[in-house]
Amino acid sequence: MPDLQSSVMSELKRSLSEAVEEVFVTTFAVRPELIPPDEASRGLSAIISLSGSITGYLAIHASPKAACTIASNMLGDAYTEVDDIVCDAMGEMANMVGGSLKKYVGRSGTLFTISVPTIVQGRDYSTHTPKDAEQLLMGVSALDSRLTMQLVVTEHR
């Protein structure tokens, strides 16, 4: 990374893995499998921004089917179409992963605060990583669904 030390990036990667596992085990009582990121896991993205010593965002990308599966398992109802409830559930998922990430990274001090989630939905969109930022991509398989976690960070200037 141009600005962040490799030790910080290693800590963020380890912490993101721990955060994802904690959220899935606590919320769904399943242990997620970390897999290579999957481009097919697009269609809905729940994004929270990070601000503090490091800035950037955490995005959880999911297909509409995966988002419905997450919402169904989270809320105990069957969802087959993306609606406001499914979007809210994905936003809550981003909040939980972001909060857990903050907890694990925060063992060495608070690096960032998190925002309320933003939901982006559609077929033809992409996220942009600024040239001076580092990006971590992590695929997650759980509940017969695949998600992609995208963490983009840079040092605050």
Protein backbone atom coordinates (compact mmCIF):
# COMPACT_ATOMS: atom_id res chain seq x y z
CA MET A 1 0.00 0.00 0.00
CA PRO A 2 1.26 3.45 -0.72
CA ASP A 3 0.74 4.80 2.84
CA LEU A 4 -0.47 2.17 5.30
CA GLN A 5 2.09 -0.11 6.86
CA SER A 6 1.84 -3.78 5.98
CA SER A 7 1.38 -4.55 9.70
CA VAL A 8 -1.80 -2.42 9.75
CA MET A 9 -3.10 -4.15 6.63
CA SER A 10 -2.32 -7.57 8.14
CA GLU A 11 -4.17 -6.54 11.29
CA LEU A 12 -7.17 -5.35 9.25
CA LYS A 13 -7.28 -8.60 7.27
CA ARG A 14 -7.08 -10.74 10.41
CA SER A 15 -9.66 -8.55 12.14
CA LEU A 16 -12.06 -8.69 9.18
CA SER A 17 -11.86 -12.50 9.21
CA GLU A 18 -12.60 -12.54 12.95
CA ALA A 19 -15.43 -10.04 12.56
CA VAL A 20 -17.11 -12.02 9.79
CA GLU A 21 -16.84 -15.24 11.76
CA GLU A 22 -18.20 -13.61 14.92
CA VAL A 23 -21.22 -12.12 13.13
CA PHE A 24 -22.14 -15.35 11.34
CA VAL A 25 -21.66 -17.56 14.40
CA THR A 26 -23.55 -15.17 16.70
CA THR A 27 -26.35 -14.23 14.30
CA PHE A 28 -26.86 -17.43 12.30
CA ALA A 29 -25.13 -20.12 14.39
CA VAL A 30 -23.02 -21.13 11.36
CA ARG A 31 -19.30 -20.91 10.77
CA PRO A 32 -18.62 -19.15 7.46
CA GLU A 33 -16.10 -20.46 4.99
CA LEU A 34 -13.65 -17.90 3.63
CA ILE A 35 -13.38 -18.32 -0.15
CA PRO A 36 -11.96 -16.31 -3.05
CA PRO A 37 -14.06 -13.21 -3.82
CA ASP A 38 -16.89 -13.86 -6.25
CA GLU A 39 -17.94 -11.37 -8.92
CA ALA A 40 -21.32 -13.12 -9.07
CA SER A 41 -22.07 -11.79 -5.59
CA ARG A 42 -23.30 -8.45 -6.93
CA GLY A 43 -26.71 -6.90 -7.21
CA LEU A 44 -26.98 -5.37 -3.76
CA SER A 45 -24.24 -3.71 -1.73
CA ALA A 46 -24.44 -2.55 1.88
CA ILE A 47 -21.75 0.07 2.47
CA ILE A 48 -20.56 1.84 5.61
CA SER A 49 -17.91 4.50 5.60
CA LEU A 50 -14.96 4.59 7.98
CA SER A 51 -13.47 7.79 9.34
CA GLY A 52 -10.64 8.41 11.77
CA SER A 53 -6.95 7.55 11.61
CA ILE A 54 -7.88 5.49 8.59
CA THR A 55 -10.68 6.36 6.20
CA GLY A 56 -12.50 4.35 3.58
CA TYR A 57 -15.41 1.97 3.47
CA LEU A 58 -16.58 -1.55 4.13
CA ALA A 59 -18.96 -3.00 1.54
CA ILE A 60 -20.82 -6.28 1.65
CA HIS A 61 -21.76 -7.33 -1.88
CA ALA A 62 -24.48 -9.92 -2.42
CA SER A 63 -26.65 -11.25 -5.21
CA PRO A 64 -30.35 -10.52 -4.71
CA LYS A 65 -30.90 -14.20 -3.86
CA ALA A 66 -28.10 -14.16 -1.26
CA ALA A 67 -29.44 -10.92 0.26
CA CYS A 68 -32.89 -12.53 0.57
CA THR A 69 -31.35 -15.62 2.18
CA ILE A 70 -29.44 -13.49 4.70
CA ALA A 71 -32.58 -11.49 5.54
CA SER A 72 -34.69 -14.66 5.82
CA ASN A 73 -32.22 -16.25 8.23
CA MET A 74 -31.73 -13.04 10.17
CA LEU A 75 -35.43 -12.22 10.58
CA GLY A 76 -37.12 -15.62 10.54
CA ASP A 77 -39.41 -14.87 7.59
CA ALA A 78 -39.14 -15.97 3.98
CA TYR A 79 -37.98 -13.26 1.55
CA THR A 80 -37.76 -14.04 -2.16
CA GLU A 81 -37.63 -10.48 -3.55
CA VAL A 82 -35.41 -7.60 -2.49
CA ASP A 83 -37.53 -5.04 -0.67
CA ASP A 84 -36.97 -2.45 2.08
CA ILE A 85 -36.78 -5.16 4.75
CA VAL A 86 -34.09 -7.10 2.86
CA CYS A 87 -32.15 -3.87 2.32
CA ASP A 88 -32.45 -3.02 6.04
CA ALA A 89 -31.22 -6.50 6.97
CA MET A 90 -28.18 -6.13 4.71
CA GLY A 91 -27.51 -2.70 6.20
CA GLU A 92 -27.66 -4.23 9.66
CA MET A 93 -25.25 -6.94 8.50
CA ALA A 94 -22.80 -4.22 7.41
CA ASN A 95 -23.23 -2.49 10.79
CA MET A 96 -22.54 -5.72 12.67
CA VAL A 97 -19.45 -6.62 10.62
CA GLY A 98 -18.19 -3.02 10.81
CA GLY A 99 -18.76 -2.82 14.56
CA SER A 100 -17.05 -6.14 15.12
CA LEU A 101 -14.16 -5.09 12.86
CA LYS A 102 -13.81 -1.89 14.91
CA LYS A 103 -13.73 -3.96 18.12
CA TYR A 104 -11.02 -6.32 16.87
CA VAL A 105 -8.87 -3.60 15.31
CA GLY A 106 -9.50 -1.36 18.33
CA ARG A 107 -7.43 -3.56 20.60
CA SER A 108 -4.54 -1.27 19.72
CA GLY A 109 -6.60 1.97 19.84
CA THR A 110 -9.52 3.36 17.90
CA LEU A 111 -8.62 3.61 14.21
CA PHE A 112 -12.05 4.64 12.90
CA THR A 113 -15.72 5.26 13.51
CA ILE A 114 -18.44 3.90 11.27
CA SER A 115 -21.35 5.57 9.50
CA VAL A 116 -24.92 4.45 8.98
CA PRO A 117 -25.18 2.06 6.03
CA THR A 118 -25.96 2.98 2.46
CA ILE A 119 -27.58 0.40 0.21
CA VAL A 120 -26.87 0.30 -3.52
CA GLN A 121 -28.96 -2.01 -5.68
CA GLY A 122 -28.89 -2.73 -9.39
CA ARG A 123 -27.30 -4.71 -12.17
CA ASP A 124 -24.73 -2.32 -13.58
CA TYR A 125 -22.70 -0.57 -10.91
CA SER A 126 -19.24 -0.78 -9.44
CA THR A 127 -17.32 0.61 -6.51
CA HIS A 128 -14.25 2.75 -7.08
CA THR A 129 -11.06 2.37 -5.09
CA PRO A 130 -9.00 5.58 -4.92
CA LYS A 131 -5.46 5.17 -6.21
CA ASP A 132 -3.91 5.86 -2.80
CA ALA A 133 -6.06 3.28 -0.99
CA GLU A 134 -5.52 -0.35 -0.12
CA GLN A 135 -8.24 -2.89 -0.81
CA LEU A 136 -8.97 -6.21 0.87
CA LEU A 137 -11.45 -8.54 -0.83
CA MET A 138 -12.75 -11.58 1.02
CA GLY A 139 -15.29 -14.09 -0.20
CA VAL A 140 -17.64 -15.65 2.33
CA SER A 141 -19.75 -18.78 1.88
CA ALA A 142 -22.50 -19.51 4.40
CA LEU A 143 -26.20 -20.33 4.42
CA ASP A 144 -25.90 -21.63 0.84
CA SER A 145 -24.92 -18.09 -0.20
CA ARG A 146 -21.80 -16.29 -1.32
CA LEU A 147 -20.94 -12.75 -0.28
CA THR A 148 -17.94 -10.56 -0.98
CA MET A 149 -16.52 -8.32 1.74
CA GLN A 150 -14.64 -5.31 0.36
CA LEU A 151 -12.58 -3.19 2.74
CA VAL A 152 -10.99 -0.08 1.24
CA VAL A 153 -8.77 2.04 3.48
CA THR A 154 -6.23 4.81 3.40
CA GLU A 155 -4.54 6.89 6.09
CA HIS A 156 -6.35 10.06 7.04
CA ARG A 157 -4.43 13.14 5.94
